[in-house]
Amino acid sequence: MQTDIMLSYQEKVLIIDAKYYEKTTRTQYDVQKLHSGNLYQIFTYVKNKEAELQQEPHEVSGMLLYAQTQEAVTPNYTYRMSGNKISVRTLDLYCDFKQIAAQLDGIAEEYFGVGKMI
């Protein structure tokens, strides 16, 4: 298994798995649900990286990053799974590249506490 993106800064690691579906969620019993397989996949990436870093100080988090669709539902959730932060975010690609970059910078700032580094 290969992650899409892995960012690290000091002792923090963020593993991002980018996804695109025509419909970001699925309906089950009239409730919008995430694709559970995606959550298990990012959780597996996070736990494998955590095991790899077990001899070093570390904080490993994961994120499912969905491309925004025309659906009204845009997932933006954060979970704690076995001690790790797992987030689900929606990236709006229907805008100017500077706005897309600002969204991505916001993710880095949220996770690492740093702003634009370039």
PDB file of N, CA and C in Angstrom:
ATOM      1  N   MET A   1       0.841  -1.180   0.000  1.00  0.00           N
ATOM      2  CA  MET A   1       0.000   0.000   0.000  1.00  0.00           C
ATOM      3  C   MET A   1       0.884   1.242   0.000  1.00  0.00           C
ATOM      4  N   GLN A   2       0.528   2.201  -0.820  1.00  0.00           N
ATOM      5  CA  GLN A   2       1.316   3.424  -0.968  1.00  0.00           C
ATOM      6  C   GLN A   2       0.426   4.629  -0.711  1.00  0.00           C
ATOM      7  N   THR A   3       0.864   5.496   0.187  1.00  0.00           N
ATOM      8  CA  THR A   3       0.094   6.702   0.471  1.00  0.00           C
ATOM      9  C   THR A   3       0.213   7.680  -0.697  1.00  0.00           C
ATOM     10  N   ASP A   4      -0.775   8.565  -0.816  1.00  0.00           N
ATOM     11  CA  ASP A   4      -0.724   9.593  -1.861  1.00  0.00           C
ATOM     12  C   ASP A   4       0.257  10.692  -1.477  1.00  0.00           C
ATOM     13  N   ILE A   5       0.129  11.195  -0.237  1.00  0.00           N
ATOM     14  CA  ILE A   5       0.948  12.316   0.221  1.00  0.00           C
ATOM     15  C   ILE A   5       1.311  12.089   1.681  1.00  0.00           C
ATOM     16  N   MET A   6       2.560  12.373   2.024  1.00  0.00           N
ATOM     17  CA  MET A   6       2.957  12.338   3.427  1.00  0.00           C
ATOM     18  C   MET A   6       3.761  13.598   3.713  1.00  0.00           C
ATOM     19  N   LEU A   7       3.246  14.400   4.632  1.00  0.00           N
ATOM     20  CA  LEU A   7       3.921  15.629   5.042  1.00  0.00           C
ATOM     21  C   LEU A   7       4.470  15.431   6.445  1.00  0.00           C
ATOM     22  N   SER A   8       5.642  15.981   6.704  1.00  0.00           N
ATOM     23  CA  SER A   8       6.180  15.901   8.062  1.00  0.00           C
ATOM     24  C   SER A   8       6.857  17.219   8.416  1.00  0.00           C
ATOM     25  N   TYR A   9       6.753  17.548   9.688  1.00  0.00           N
ATOM     26  CA  TYR A   9       7.378  18.748  10.211  1.00  0.00           C
ATOM     27  C   TYR A   9       7.682  18.472  11.672  1.00  0.00           C
ATOM     28  N   GLN A  10       8.947  18.557  12.029  1.00  0.00           N
ATOM     29  CA  GLN A  10       9.418  18.223  13.370  1.00  0.00           C
ATOM     30  C   GLN A  10       8.946  16.819  13.718  1.00  0.00           C
ATOM     31  N   GLU A  11       8.183  16.648  14.779  1.00  0.00           N
ATOM     32  CA  GLU A  11       7.762  15.305  15.203  1.00  0.00           C
ATOM     33  C   GLU A  11       6.393  14.906  14.659  1.00  0.00           C
ATOM     34  N   LYS A  12       5.790  15.757  13.838  1.00  0.00           N
ATOM     35  CA  LYS A  12       4.442  15.493  13.339  1.00  0.00           C
ATOM     36  C   LYS A  12       4.471  14.968  11.912  1.00  0.00           C
ATOM     37  N   VAL A  13       3.580  14.014  11.650  1.00  0.00           N
ATOM     38  CA  VAL A  13       3.434  13.438  10.314  1.00  0.00           C
ATOM     39  C   VAL A  13       1.948  13.471   9.959  1.00  0.00           C
ATOM     40  N   LEU A  14       1.649  13.925   8.753  1.00  0.00           N
ATOM     41  CA  LEU A  14       0.283  13.893   8.238  1.00  0.00           C
ATOM     42  C   LEU A  14       0.277  13.080   6.959  1.00  0.00           C
ATOM     43  N   ILE A  15      -0.506  12.023   6.960  1.00  0.00           N
ATOM     44  CA  ILE A  15      -0.661  11.170   5.781  1.00  0.00           C
ATOM     45  C   ILE A  15      -1.988  11.546   5.130  1.00  0.00           C
ATOM     46  N   ILE A  16      -1.933  11.888   3.853  1.00  0.00           N
ATOM     47  CA  ILE A  16      -3.135  12.300   3.122  1.00  0.00           C
ATOM     48  C   ILE A  16      -3.403  11.309   2.005  1.00  0.00           C
ATOM     49  N   ASP A  17      -4.637  10.866   1.940  1.00  0.00           N
ATOM     50  CA  ASP A  17      -5.072  10.007   0.848  1.00  0.00           C
ATOM     51  C   ASP A  17      -6.161  10.759   0.098  1.00  0.00           C
ATOM     52  N   ALA A  18      -5.890  11.123  -1.149  1.00  0.00           N
ATOM     53  CA  ALA A  18      -6.826  11.901  -1.956  1.00  0.00           C
ATOM     54  C   ALA A  18      -7.825  10.972  -2.642  1.00  0.00           C
ATOM     55  N   LYS A  19      -9.082  11.414  -2.653  1.00  0.00           N
ATOM     56  CA  LYS A  19     -10.153  10.597  -3.230  1.00  0.00           C
ATOM     57  C   LYS A  19     -11.032  11.458  -4.126  1.00  0.00           C
ATOM     58  N   TYR A  20     -11.595  10.817  -5.129  1.00  0.00           N
ATOM     59  CA  TYR A  20     -12.620  11.482  -5.933  1.00  0.00           C
ATOM     60  C   TYR A  20     -13.683  10.456  -6.280  1.00  0.00           C
ATOM     61  N   TYR A  21     -14.899  10.800  -5.969  1.00  0.00           N
ATOM     62  CA  TYR A  21     -16.063   9.998  -6.335  1.00  0.00           C
ATOM     63  C   TYR A  21     -17.102  10.950  -6.895  1.00  0.00           C
ATOM     64  N   GLU A  22     -17.924  10.454  -7.777  1.00  0.00           N
ATOM     65  CA  GLU A  22     -19.024  11.282  -8.266  1.00  0.00           C
ATOM     66  C   GLU A  22     -19.896  11.704  -7.084  1.00  0.00           C
ATOM     67  N   LYS A  23     -20.082  10.782  -6.150  1.00  0.00           N
ATOM     68  CA  LYS A  23     -20.801  11.076  -4.914  1.00  0.00           C
ATOM     69  C   LYS A  23     -19.857  10.758  -3.759  1.00  0.00           C
ATOM     70  N   THR A  24     -19.535  11.773  -2.995  1.00  0.00           N
ATOM     71  CA  THR A  24     -18.561  11.632  -1.917  1.00  0.00           C
ATOM     72  C   THR A  24     -19.049  10.699  -0.823  1.00  0.00           C
ATOM     73  N   THR A  25     -20.355  10.738  -0.565  1.00  0.00           N
ATOM     74  CA  THR A  25     -20.927   9.880   0.473  1.00  0.00           C
ATOM     75  C   THR A  25     -21.918   8.919  -0.165  1.00  0.00           C
ATOM     76  N   ARG A  26     -22.317   7.967   0.626  1.00  0.00           N
ATOM     77  CA  ARG A  26     -23.361   7.045   0.188  1.00  0.00           C
ATOM     78  C   ARG A  26     -24.502   7.135   1.191  1.00  0.00           C
ATOM     79  N   THR A  27     -25.686   6.789   0.760  1.00  0.00           N
ATOM     80  CA  THR A  27     -26.854   6.866   1.634  1.00  0.00           C
ATOM     81  C   THR A  27     -27.173   5.485   2.170  1.00  0.00           C
ATOM     82  N   GLN A  28     -27.322   5.405   3.491  1.00  0.00           N
ATOM     83  CA  GLN A  28     -27.705   4.155   4.135  1.00  0.00           C
ATOM     84  C   GLN A  28     -28.756   4.502   5.179  1.00  0.00           C
ATOM     85  N   TYR A  29     -29.946   3.946   5.014  1.00  0.00           N
ATOM     86  CA  TYR A  29     -31.078   4.234   5.914  1.00  0.00           C
ATOM     87  C   TYR A  29     -31.330   5.740   6.007  1.00  0.00           C
ATOM     88  N   ASP A  30     -31.331   6.404   4.866  1.00  0.00           N
ATOM     89  CA  ASP A  30     -31.580   7.851   4.758  1.00  0.00           C
ATOM     90  C   ASP A  30     -30.547   8.707   5.479  1.00  0.00           C
ATOM     91  N   VAL A  31     -29.364   8.159   5.740  1.00  0.00           N
ATOM     92  CA  VAL A  31     -28.279   8.896   6.391  1.00  0.00           C
ATOM     93  C   VAL A  31     -27.071   8.878   5.464  1.00  0.00           C
ATOM     94  N   GLN A  32     -26.418  10.045   5.303  1.00  0.00           N
ATOM     95  CA  GLN A  32     -25.213  10.129   4.484  1.00  0.00           C
ATOM     96  C   GLN A  32     -24.036   9.529   5.246  1.00  0.00           C
ATOM     97  N   LYS A  33     -23.325   8.598   4.628  1.00  0.00           N
ATOM     98  CA  LYS A  33     -22.197   7.923   5.262  1.00  0.00           C
ATOM     99  C   LYS A  33     -20.969   8.000   4.359  1.00  0.00           C
ATOM    100  N   LEU A  34     -19.802   8.041   4.982  1.00  0.00           N
ATOM    101  CA  LEU A  34     -18.546   7.962   4.241  1.00  0.00           C
ATOM    102  C   LEU A  34     -18.325   6.530   3.791  1.00  0.00           C
ATOM    103  N   HIS A  35     -17.477   6.354   2.813  1.00  0.00           N
ATOM    104  CA  HIS A  35     -17.085   5.011   2.385  1.00  0.00           C
ATOM    105  C   HIS A  35     -16.176   4.441   3.475  1.00  0.00           C
ATOM    106  N   SER A  36     -16.653   3.466   4.205  1.00  0.00           N
ATOM    107  CA  SER A  36     -15.899   2.951   5.360  1.00  0.00           C
ATOM    108  C   SER A  36     -14.552   2.374   4.948  1.00  0.00           C
ATOM    109  N   GLY A  37     -14.451   1.818   3.753  1.00  0.00           N
ATOM    110  CA  GLY A  37     -13.175   1.280   3.282  1.00  0.00           C
ATOM    111  C   GLY A  37     -12.091   2.340   3.232  1.00  0.00           C
ATOM    112  N   ASN A  38     -12.478   3.584   2.910  1.00  0.00           N
ATOM    113  CA  ASN A  38     -11.504   4.672   2.873  1.00  0.00           C
ATOM    114  C   ASN A  38     -10.986   5.000   4.266  1.00  0.00           C
ATOM    115  N   LEU A  39     -11.888   4.990   5.250  1.00  0.00           N
ATOM    116  CA  LEU A  39     -11.461   5.238   6.638  1.00  0.00           C
ATOM    117  C   LEU A  39     -10.511   4.141   7.113  1.00  0.00           C
ATOM    118  N   TYR A  40     -10.829   2.897   6.808  1.00  0.00           N
ATOM    119  CA  TYR A  40      -9.943   1.796   7.196  1.00  0.00           C
ATOM    120  C   TYR A  40      -8.585   1.914   6.508  1.00  0.00           C
ATOM    121  N   GLN A  41      -8.586   2.342   5.255  1.00  0.00           N
ATOM    122  CA  GLN A  41      -7.334   2.481   4.514  1.00  0.00           C
ATOM    123  C   GLN A  41      -6.434   3.538   5.154  1.00  0.00           C
ATOM    124  N   ILE A  42      -6.965   4.729   5.444  1.00  0.00           N
ATOM    125  CA  ILE A  42      -6.136   5.778   6.040  1.00  0.00           C
ATOM    126  C   ILE A  42      -5.710   5.381   7.442  1.00  0.00           C
ATOM    127  N   PHE A  43      -6.581   4.720   8.173  1.00  0.00           N
ATOM    128  CA  PHE A  43      -6.238   4.237   9.508  1.00  0.00           C
ATOM    129  C   PHE A  43      -5.063   3.258   9.448  1.00  0.00           C
ATOM    130  N   THR A  44      -5.067   2.386   8.452  1.00  0.00           N
ATOM    131  CA  THR A  44      -3.972   1.424   8.269  1.00  0.00           C
ATOM    132  C   THR A  44      -2.667   2.139   7.952  1.00  0.00           C
ATOM    133  N   TYR A  45      -2.710   3.129   7.067  1.00  0.00           N
ATOM    134  CA  TYR A  45      -1.512   3.916   6.762  1.00  0.00           C
ATOM    135  C   TYR A  45      -0.940   4.555   8.027  1.00  0.00           C
ATOM    136  N   VAL A  46      -1.828   5.153   8.828  1.00  0.00           N
ATOM    137  CA  VAL A  46      -1.409   5.850  10.043  1.00  0.00           C
ATOM    138  C   VAL A  46      -0.788   4.879  11.033  1.00  0.00           C
ATOM    139  N   LYS A  47      -1.426   3.756  11.251  1.00  0.00           N
ATOM    140  CA  LYS A  47      -0.912   2.788  12.234  1.00  0.00           C
ATOM    141  C   LYS A  47       0.405   2.166  11.774  1.00  0.00           C
ATOM    142  N   ASN A  48       0.566   1.932  10.477  1.00  0.00           N
ATOM    143  CA  ASN A  48       1.833   1.404   9.971  1.00  0.00           C
ATOM    144  C   ASN A  48       2.961   2.416  10.160  1.00  0.00           C
ATOM    145  N   LYS A  49       2.682   3.692   9.896  1.00  0.00           N
ATOM    146  CA  LYS A  49       3.700   4.734  10.083  1.00  0.00           C
ATOM    147  C   LYS A  49       4.024   4.890  11.561  1.00  0.00           C
ATOM    148  N   GLU A  50       3.013   4.811  12.403  1.00  0.00           N
ATOM    149  CA  GLU A  50       3.232   4.907  13.845  1.00  0.00           C
ATOM    150  C   GLU A  50       4.135   3.767  14.327  1.00  0.00           C
ATOM    151  N   ALA A  51       3.921   2.574  13.831  1.00  0.00           N
ATOM    152  CA  ALA A  51       4.768   1.440  14.205  1.00  0.00           C
ATOM    153  C   ALA A  51       6.203   1.645  13.719  1.00  0.00           C
ATOM    154  N   GLU A  52       6.348   2.211  12.531  1.00  0.00           N
ATOM    155  CA  GLU A  52       7.672   2.500  11.974  1.00  0.00           C
ATOM    156  C   GLU A  52       8.438   3.508  12.837  1.00  0.00           C
ATOM    157  N   LEU A  53       7.725   4.443  13.434  1.00  0.00           N
ATOM    158  CA  LEU A  53       8.351   5.511  14.223  1.00  0.00           C
ATOM    159  C   LEU A  53       8.352   5.235  15.727  1.00  0.00           C
ATOM    160  N   GLN A  54       8.050   4.029  16.125  1.00  0.00           N
ATOM    161  CA  GLN A  54       7.855   3.740  17.543  1.00  0.00           C
ATOM    162  C   GLN A  54       9.057   4.061  18.429  1.00  0.00           C
ATOM    163  N   GLN A  55      10.253   4.100  17.891  1.00  0.00           N
ATOM    164  CA  GLN A  55      11.446   4.400  18.685  1.00  0.00           C
ATOM    165  C   GLN A  55      11.759   5.892  18.751  1.00  0.00           C
ATOM    166  N   GLU A  56      10.949   6.711  18.073  1.00  0.00           N
ATOM    167  CA  GLU A  56      11.186   8.156  18.020  1.00  0.00           C
ATOM    168  C   GLU A  56       9.956   8.893  18.536  1.00  0.00           C
ATOM    169  N   PRO A  57      10.146  10.108  19.049  1.00  0.00           N
ATOM    170  CA  PRO A  57       8.970  10.916  19.386  1.00  0.00           C
ATOM    171  C   PRO A  57       8.203  11.228  18.097  1.00  0.00           C
ATOM    172  N   HIS A  58       6.891  11.073  18.122  1.00  0.00           N
ATOM    173  CA  HIS A  58       6.106  11.290  16.910  1.00  0.00           C
ATOM    174  C   HIS A  58       4.636  11.517  17.232  1.00  0.00           C
ATOM    175  N   GLU A  59       3.964  12.110  16.274  1.00  0.00           N
ATOM    176  CA  GLU A  59       2.509  12.252  16.296  1.00  0.00           C
ATOM    177  C   GLU A  59       2.056  12.058  14.861  1.00  0.00           C
ATOM    178  N   VAL A  60       1.338  10.974  14.611  1.00  0.00           N
ATOM    179  CA  VAL A  60       0.917  10.650  13.252  1.00  0.00           C
ATOM    180  C   VAL A  60      -0.591  10.867  13.122  1.00  0.00           C
ATOM    181  N   SER A  61      -0.976  11.602  12.098  1.00  0.00           N
ATOM    182  CA  SER A  61      -2.380  11.857  11.793  1.00  0.00           C
ATOM    183  C   SER A  61      -2.651  11.458  10.355  1.00  0.00           C
ATOM    184  N   GLY A  62      -3.928  11.293  10.039  1.00  0.00           N
ATOM    185  CA  GLY A  62      -4.312  10.953   8.676  1.00  0.00           C
ATOM    186  C   GLY A  62      -5.453  11.820   8.191  1.00  0.00           C
ATOM    187  N   MET A  63      -5.545  11.949   6.880  1.00  0.00           N
ATOM    188  CA  MET A  63      -6.625  12.738   6.293  1.00  0.00           C
ATOM    189  C   MET A  63      -7.085  12.110   4.986  1.00  0.00           C
ATOM    190  N   LEU A  64      -8.398  11.982   4.857  1.00  0.00           N
ATOM    191  CA  LEU A  64      -8.999  11.678   3.569  1.00  0.00           C
ATOM    192  C   LEU A  64      -9.351  13.017   2.953  1.00  0.00           C
ATOM    193  N   LEU A  65      -8.833  13.297   1.791  1.00  0.00           N
ATOM    194  CA  LEU A  65      -9.054  14.579   1.130  1.00  0.00           C
ATOM    195  C   LEU A  65      -9.870  14.330  -0.134  1.00  0.00           C
ATOM    196  N   TYR A  66     -11.129  14.725  -0.079  1.00  0.00           N
ATOM    197  CA  TYR A  66     -12.050  14.514  -1.194  1.00  0.00           C
ATOM    198  C   TYR A  66     -12.124  15.760  -2.058  1.00  0.00           C
ATOM    199  N   ALA A  67     -12.178  15.571  -3.352  1.00  0.00           N
ATOM    200  CA  ALA A  67     -12.454  16.664  -4.269  1.00  0.00           C
ATOM    201  C   ALA A  67     -13.943  16.991  -4.155  1.00  0.00           C
ATOM    202  N   GLN A  68     -14.256  18.272  -4.077  1.00  0.00           N
ATOM    203  CA  GLN A  68     -15.652  18.683  -3.956  1.00  0.00           C
ATOM    204  C   GLN A  68     -16.409  18.342  -5.229  1.00  0.00           C
ATOM    205  N   THR A  69     -17.592  17.840  -5.043  1.00  0.00           N
ATOM    206  CA  THR A  69     -18.468  17.542  -6.172  1.00  0.00           C
ATOM    207  C   THR A  69     -19.637  18.527  -6.144  1.00  0.00           C
ATOM    208  N   GLN A  70     -20.626  18.296  -6.962  1.00  0.00           N
ATOM    209  CA  GLN A  70     -21.790  19.174  -6.980  1.00  0.00           C
ATOM    210  C   GLN A  70     -22.819  18.775  -5.928  1.00  0.00           C
ATOM    211  N   GLU A  71     -22.488  17.787  -5.103  1.00  0.00           N
ATOM    212  CA  GLU A  71     -23.386  17.387  -4.018  1.00  0.00           C
ATOM    213  C   GLU A  71     -23.492  18.492  -2.977  1.00  0.00           C
ATOM    214  N   ALA A  72     -24.583  18.491  -2.263  1.00  0.00           N
ATOM    215  CA  ALA A  72     -24.759  19.454  -1.172  1.00  0.00           C
ATOM    216  C   ALA A  72     -23.895  19.060   0.026  1.00  0.00           C
ATOM    217  N   VAL A  73     -23.566  17.782   0.143  1.00  0.00           N
ATOM    218  CA  VAL A  73     -22.781  17.277   1.267  1.00  0.00           C
ATOM    219  C   VAL A  73     -21.292  17.481   0.983  1.00  0.00           C
ATOM    220  N   THR A  74     -20.597  18.162   1.880  1.00  0.00           N
ATOM    221  CA  THR A  74     -19.140  18.322   1.778  1.00  0.00           C
ATOM    222  C   THR A  74     -18.537  17.914   3.117  1.00  0.00           C
ATOM    223  N   PRO A  75     -18.064  16.687   3.218  1.00  0.00           N
ATOM    224  CA  PRO A  75     -17.576  16.186   4.505  1.00  0.00           C
ATOM    225  C   PRO A  75     -16.400  16.988   5.050  1.00  0.00           C
ATOM    226  N   ASN A  76     -16.497  17.345   6.290  1.00  0.00           N
ATOM    227  CA  ASN A  76     -15.420  17.980   7.045  1.00  0.00           C
ATOM    228  C   ASN A  76     -15.558  17.513   8.484  1.00  0.00           C
ATOM    229  N   TYR A  77     -14.910  16.406   8.788  1.00  0.00           N
ATOM    230  CA  TYR A  77     -15.025  15.781  10.092  1.00  0.00           C
ATOM    231  C   TYR A  77     -13.630  15.500  10.641  1.00  0.00           C
ATOM    232  N   THR A  78     -13.562  15.362  11.953  1.00  0.00           N
ATOM    233  CA  THR A  78     -12.337  14.904  12.598  1.00  0.00           C
ATOM    234  C   THR A  78     -12.724  13.840  13.611  1.00  0.00           C
ATOM    235  N   TYR A  79     -11.987  12.731  13.581  1.00  0.00           N
ATOM    236  CA  TYR A  79     -12.223  11.613  14.483  1.00  0.00           C
ATOM    237  C   TYR A  79     -10.958  11.344  15.286  1.00  0.00           C
ATOM    238  N   ARG A  80     -11.102  10.652  16.385  1.00  0.00           N
ATOM    239  CA  ARG A  80      -9.974  10.070  17.124  1.00  0.00           C
ATOM    240  C   ARG A  80     -10.142   8.572  17.011  1.00  0.00           C
ATOM    241  N   MET A  81      -9.191   7.927  16.373  1.00  0.00           N
ATOM    242  CA  MET A  81      -9.250   6.477  16.206  1.00  0.00           C
ATOM    243  C   MET A  81      -8.000   5.878  16.831  1.00  0.00           C
ATOM    244  N   SER A  82      -8.182   5.154  17.911  1.00  0.00           N
ATOM    245  CA  SER A  82      -7.059   4.525  18.629  1.00  0.00           C
ATOM    246  C   SER A  82      -5.941   5.517  18.911  1.00  0.00           C
ATOM    247  N   GLY A  83      -6.316   6.726  19.320  1.00  0.00           N
ATOM    248  CA  GLY A  83      -5.332   7.726  19.711  1.00  0.00           C
ATOM    249  C   GLY A  83      -4.818   8.611  18.601  1.00  0.00           C
ATOM    250  N   ASN A  84      -5.211   8.348  17.365  1.00  0.00           N
ATOM    251  CA  ASN A  84      -4.742   9.156  16.239  1.00  0.00           C
ATOM    252  C   ASN A  84      -5.860  10.033  15.697  1.00  0.00           C
ATOM    253  N   LYS A  85      -5.481  11.224  15.237  1.00  0.00           N
ATOM    254  CA  LYS A  85      -6.420  12.140  14.609  1.00  0.00           C
ATOM    255  C   LYS A  85      -6.588  11.722  13.159  1.00  0.00           C
ATOM    256  N   ILE A  86      -7.831  11.464  12.771  1.00  0.00           N
ATOM    257  CA  ILE A  86      -8.161  11.116  11.398  1.00  0.00           C
ATOM    258  C   ILE A  86      -9.204  12.130  10.939  1.00  0.00           C
ATOM    259  N   SER A  87      -8.890  12.864   9.879  1.00  0.00           N
ATOM    260  CA  SER A  87      -9.797  13.896   9.382  1.00  0.00           C
ATOM    261  C   SER A  87     -10.306  13.554   7.995  1.00  0.00           C
ATOM    262  N   VAL A  88     -11.451  14.110   7.702  1.00  0.00           N
ATOM    263  CA  VAL A  88     -12.029  14.028   6.369  1.00  0.00           C
ATOM    264  C   VAL A  88     -12.291  15.466   5.946  1.00  0.00           C
ATOM    265  N   ARG A  89     -11.712  15.868   4.834  1.00  0.00           N
ATOM    266  CA  ARG A  89     -11.848  17.244   4.354  1.00  0.00           C
ATOM    267  C   ARG A  89     -12.257  17.229   2.879  1.00  0.00           C
ATOM    268  N   THR A  90     -12.871  18.322   2.480  1.00  0.00           N
ATOM    269  CA  THR A  90     -13.276  18.500   1.094  1.00  0.00           C
ATOM    270  C   THR A  90     -12.498  19.672   0.519  1.00  0.00           C
ATOM    271  N   LEU A  91     -11.899  19.461  -0.633  1.00  0.00           N
ATOM    272  CA  LEU A  91     -11.109  20.489  -1.304  1.00  0.00           C
ATOM    273  C   LEU A  91     -11.901  21.010  -2.500  1.00  0.00           C
ATOM    274  N   ASP A  92     -12.142  22.311  -2.514  1.00  0.00           N
ATOM    275  CA  ASP A  92     -12.884  22.933  -3.606  1.00  0.00           C
ATOM    276  C   ASP A  92     -11.936  23.211  -4.770  1.00  0.00           C
ATOM    277  N   LEU A  93     -12.097  22.455  -5.838  1.00  0.00           N
ATOM    278  CA  LEU A  93     -11.255  22.622  -7.024  1.00  0.00           C
ATOM    279  C   LEU A  93     -11.923  23.490  -8.084  1.00  0.00           C
ATOM    280  N   TYR A  94     -13.114  23.995  -7.782  1.00  0.00           N
ATOM    281  CA  TYR A  94     -13.851  24.834  -8.726  1.00  0.00           C
ATOM    282  C   TYR A  94     -13.491  26.304  -8.563  1.00  0.00           C
ATOM    283  N   CYS A  95     -12.268  26.591  -8.174  1.00  0.00           N
ATOM    284  CA  CYS A  95     -11.896  27.984  -7.936  1.00  0.00           C
ATOM    285  C   CYS A  95     -10.489  28.236  -8.484  1.00  0.00           C
ATOM    286  N   ASP A  96     -10.068  29.467  -8.379  1.00  0.00           N
ATOM    287  CA  ASP A  96      -8.755  29.905  -8.820  1.00  0.00           C
ATOM    288  C   ASP A  96      -7.659  29.132  -8.078  1.00  0.00           C
ATOM    289  N   PHE A  97      -6.532  28.905  -8.753  1.00  0.00           N
ATOM    290  CA  PHE A  97      -5.454  28.134  -8.141  1.00  0.00           C
ATOM    291  C   PHE A  97      -4.961  28.750  -6.833  1.00  0.00           C
ATOM    292  N   LYS A  98      -4.958  30.081  -6.734  1.00  0.00           N
ATOM    293  CA  LYS A  98      -4.524  30.726  -5.491  1.00  0.00           C
ATOM    294  C   LYS A  98      -5.430  30.334  -4.334  1.00  0.00           C
ATOM    295  N   GLN A  99      -6.712  30.176  -4.605  1.00  0.00           N
ATOM    296  CA  GLN A  99      -7.648  29.750  -3.565  1.00  0.00           C
ATOM    297  C   GLN A  99      -7.435  28.282  -3.199  1.00  0.00           C
ATOM    298  N   ILE A 100      -7.127  27.472  -4.182  1.00  0.00           N
ATOM    299  CA  ILE A 100      -6.819  26.060  -3.901  1.00  0.00           C
ATOM    300  C   ILE A 100      -5.567  25.980  -3.040  1.00  0.00           C
ATOM    301  N   ALA A 101      -4.542  26.755  -3.408  1.00  0.00           N
ATOM    302  CA  ALA A 101      -3.303  26.784  -2.626  1.00  0.00           C
ATOM    303  C   ALA A 101      -3.576  27.249  -1.195  1.00  0.00           C
ATOM    304  N   ALA A 102      -4.461  28.227  -1.045  1.00  0.00           N
ATOM    305  CA  ALA A 102      -4.797  28.724   0.290  1.00  0.00           C
ATOM    306  C   ALA A 102      -5.485  27.642   1.122  1.00  0.00           C
ATOM    307  N   GLN A 103      -6.328  26.834   0.487  1.00  0.00           N
ATOM    308  CA  GLN A 103      -6.971  25.725   1.196  1.00  0.00           C
ATOM    309  C   GLN A 103      -5.920  24.720   1.679  1.00  0.00           C
ATOM    310  N   LEU A 104      -4.968  24.421   0.808  1.00  0.00           N
ATOM    311  CA  LEU A 104      -3.906  23.468   1.171  1.00  0.00           C
ATOM    312  C   LEU A 104      -2.989  24.045   2.247  1.00  0.00           C
ATOM    313  N   ASP A 105      -2.674  25.338   2.150  1.00  0.00           N
ATOM    314  CA  ASP A 105      -1.881  25.992   3.196  1.00  0.00           C
ATOM    315  C   ASP A 105      -2.608  25.920   4.536  1.00  0.00           C
ATOM    316  N   GLY A 106      -3.939  26.062   4.503  1.00  0.00           N
ATOM    317  CA  GLY A 106      -4.738  25.973   5.717  1.00  0.00           C
ATOM    318  C   GLY A 106      -4.630  24.614   6.378  1.00  0.00           C
ATOM    319  N   ILE A 107      -4.544  23.575   5.574  1.00  0.00           N
ATOM    320  CA  ILE A 107      -4.361  22.226   6.121  1.00  0.00           C
ATOM    321  C   ILE A 107      -3.013  22.129   6.827  1.00  0.00           C
ATOM    322  N   ALA A 108      -1.962  22.630   6.180  1.00  0.00           N
ATOM    323  CA  ALA A 108      -0.628  22.600   6.794  1.00  0.00           C
ATOM    324  C   ALA A 108      -0.615  23.392   8.096  1.00  0.00           C
ATOM    325  N   GLU A 109      -1.253  24.542   8.089  1.00  0.00           N
ATOM    326  CA  GLU A 109      -1.290  25.368   9.295  1.00  0.00           C
ATOM    327  C   GLU A 109      -2.051  24.666  10.413  1.00  0.00           C
ATOM    328  N   GLU A 110      -3.168  24.040  10.068  1.00  0.00           N
ATOM    329  CA  GLU A 110      -3.964  23.319  11.069  1.00  0.00           C
ATOM    330  C   GLU A 110      -3.164  22.196  11.727  1.00  0.00           C
ATOM    331  N   TYR A 111      -2.450  21.430  10.931  1.00  0.00           N
ATOM    332  CA  TYR A 111      -1.743  20.264  11.454  1.00  0.00           C
ATOM    333  C   TYR A 111      -0.382  20.573  12.051  1.00  0.00           C
ATOM    334  N   PHE A 112       0.300  21.511  11.472  1.00  0.00           N
ATOM    335  CA  PHE A 112       1.678  21.755  11.890  1.00  0.00           C
ATOM    336  C   PHE A 112       1.875  23.082  12.597  1.00  0.00           C
ATOM    337  N   GLY A 113       0.856  23.919  12.612  1.00  0.00           N
ATOM    338  CA  GLY A 113       0.958  25.211  13.284  1.00  0.00           C
ATOM    339  C   GLY A 113       1.874  26.190  12.574  1.00  0.00           C
ATOM    340  N   VAL A 114       2.069  25.971  11.291  1.00  0.00           N
ATOM    341  CA  VAL A 114       2.918  26.866  10.500  1.00  0.00           C
ATOM    342  C   VAL A 114       2.138  27.376   9.309  1.00  0.00           C
ATOM    343  N   GLY A 115       2.451  28.579   8.886  1.00  0.00           N
ATOM    344  CA  GLY A 115       1.829  29.156   7.719  1.00  0.00           C
ATOM    345  C   GLY A 115       2.608  28.812   6.473  1.00  0.00           C
ATOM    346  N   LYS A 116       2.412  29.573   5.461  1.00  0.00           N
ATOM    347  CA  LYS A 116       3.086  29.377   4.183  1.00  0.00           C
ATOM    348  C   LYS A 116       4.601  29.449   4.394  1.00  0.00           C
ATOM    349  N   MET A 117       5.305  28.427   3.921  1.00  0.00           N
ATOM    350  CA  MET A 117       6.730  28.320   4.190  1.00  0.00           C
ATOM    351  C   MET A 117       7.590  28.730   2.992  1.00  0.00           C
ATOM    352  N   ILE A 118       6.996  29.062   1.868  1.00  0.00           N
ATOM    353  CA  ILE A 118       7.773  29.416   0.672  1.00  0.00           C
ATOM    354  C   ILE A 118       7.804  30.910   0.523  1.00  0.00           C
TER     355      ILE A 118
END
